[in-house]
Protein backbone atom coordinates (compact mmCIF):
# COMPACT_ATOMS: atom_id res chain seq x y z
CA MET A 1 -29.21 41.18 26.36
CA SER A 2 -29.09 37.45 26.83
CA LYS A 3 -29.74 34.99 24.11
CA SER A 4 -29.19 31.24 23.75
CA THR A 5 -28.80 29.07 20.71
CA ASP A 6 -31.27 26.62 19.36
CA GLU A 7 -30.52 22.88 19.00
CA ARG A 8 -28.66 23.52 15.75
CA GLY A 9 -26.41 26.29 17.35
CA ARG A 10 -28.30 29.18 15.70
CA LEU A 11 -28.55 32.56 17.55
CA TYR A 12 -31.48 34.71 16.81
CA LEU A 13 -31.20 38.45 17.23
CA PRO A 14 -34.28 40.59 17.87
CA LYS A 15 -35.76 42.57 14.96
CA ASP A 16 -34.86 45.93 16.62
CA VAL A 17 -31.11 44.81 16.80
CA ARG A 18 -31.17 43.74 13.15
CA ASP A 19 -32.87 46.99 12.12
CA ARG A 20 -30.27 48.96 14.00
CA PHE A 21 -27.00 47.06 13.14
CA GLY A 22 -27.87 45.07 10.06
CA GLU A 23 -28.11 41.34 9.02
CA GLU A 24 -24.37 40.48 8.65
CA TYR A 25 -21.94 40.09 11.61
CA ARG A 26 -18.36 39.07 12.15
CA VAL A 27 -17.88 36.67 15.03
CA VAL A 28 -14.77 37.32 17.14
CA GLU A 29 -13.45 34.77 19.56
CA LEU A 30 -11.67 36.33 22.49
CA PRO A 31 -10.03 34.52 25.45
CA ASP A 32 -13.09 34.93 27.71
CA TYR A 33 -16.05 35.52 25.44
CA VAL A 34 -17.39 35.80 21.87
CA ALA A 35 -18.35 39.09 20.35
CA LEU A 36 -20.53 40.00 17.32
CA PHE A 37 -19.49 43.03 15.30
CA PRO A 38 -21.84 44.25 12.51
CA VAL A 39 -20.23 44.35 9.01
CA ALA A 40 -20.91 47.59 7.22
CA ASP A 41 -22.22 47.59 3.70
CA ASP A 42 -19.31 49.66 2.71
CA PRO A 43 -16.55 49.05 5.33
CA LEU A 44 -14.15 51.63 3.98
CA ALA A 45 -16.72 54.37 4.20
CA ALA A 46 -17.58 53.35 7.78
CA VAL A 47 -14.00 53.52 8.83
CA GLU A 48 -13.53 56.90 7.13
CA GLU A 49 -16.71 58.19 8.89
CA ALA A 50 -15.51 56.84 12.24
CA VAL A 51 -12.06 58.35 12.12
CA GLY A 52 -12.56 61.41 9.94
CA ASP A 53 -9.28 63.16 8.90
CA GLU A 54 -7.14 61.08 11.32
CA LEU A 55 -5.87 58.72 8.56
CA GLU A 56 -4.82 61.38 6.05
CA ALA A 57 -1.42 62.13 7.51
CA LYS A 58 -0.35 58.47 8.13
CA GLY A 59 1.09 55.90 5.68
CA VAL A 60 -0.25 52.29 5.38
CA ASP A 61 2.94 50.85 7.13
CA GLU A 62 2.40 53.21 10.06
CA LEU A 63 -1.38 52.45 10.39
CA GLN A 64 -0.66 48.73 10.24
CA GLU A 65 2.02 48.85 12.96
CA GLU A 66 -0.22 50.98 15.06
CA ALA A 67 -3.25 48.54 14.76
CA ARG A 68 -0.93 45.64 15.55
CA ARG A 69 0.41 47.30 18.64
CA LYS A 70 -3.12 48.25 19.89
CA GLY A 71 -4.34 44.75 19.21
CA HIS A 72 -1.57 43.14 21.10
CA ASN A 73 -2.12 45.48 24.04
CA GLU A 74 -5.86 44.86 24.05
CA ILE A 75 -5.32 41.06 24.01
CA ALA A 76 -2.83 41.42 26.86
CA ARG A 77 -5.34 43.28 28.90
CA GLU A 78 -7.94 40.62 28.30
CA ARG A 79 -5.67 37.85 29.61
């Protein structure tokens, strides 16, 4: 899907996209592009639904370290 901004820099998403993903998005700037990620009404519930029981056996420090490592790897691949 291709969209352009208006003279004030606003981006309009089609109704079917808003109906499917919601009205609130996080804008993420990456080295080569910008991405929109929908913000869940209950972010914690969305994460729990997405990962299931995967988080139960891990501590916060371990999860943070894993997230940082994966983020750094992803950024390195993008460059």
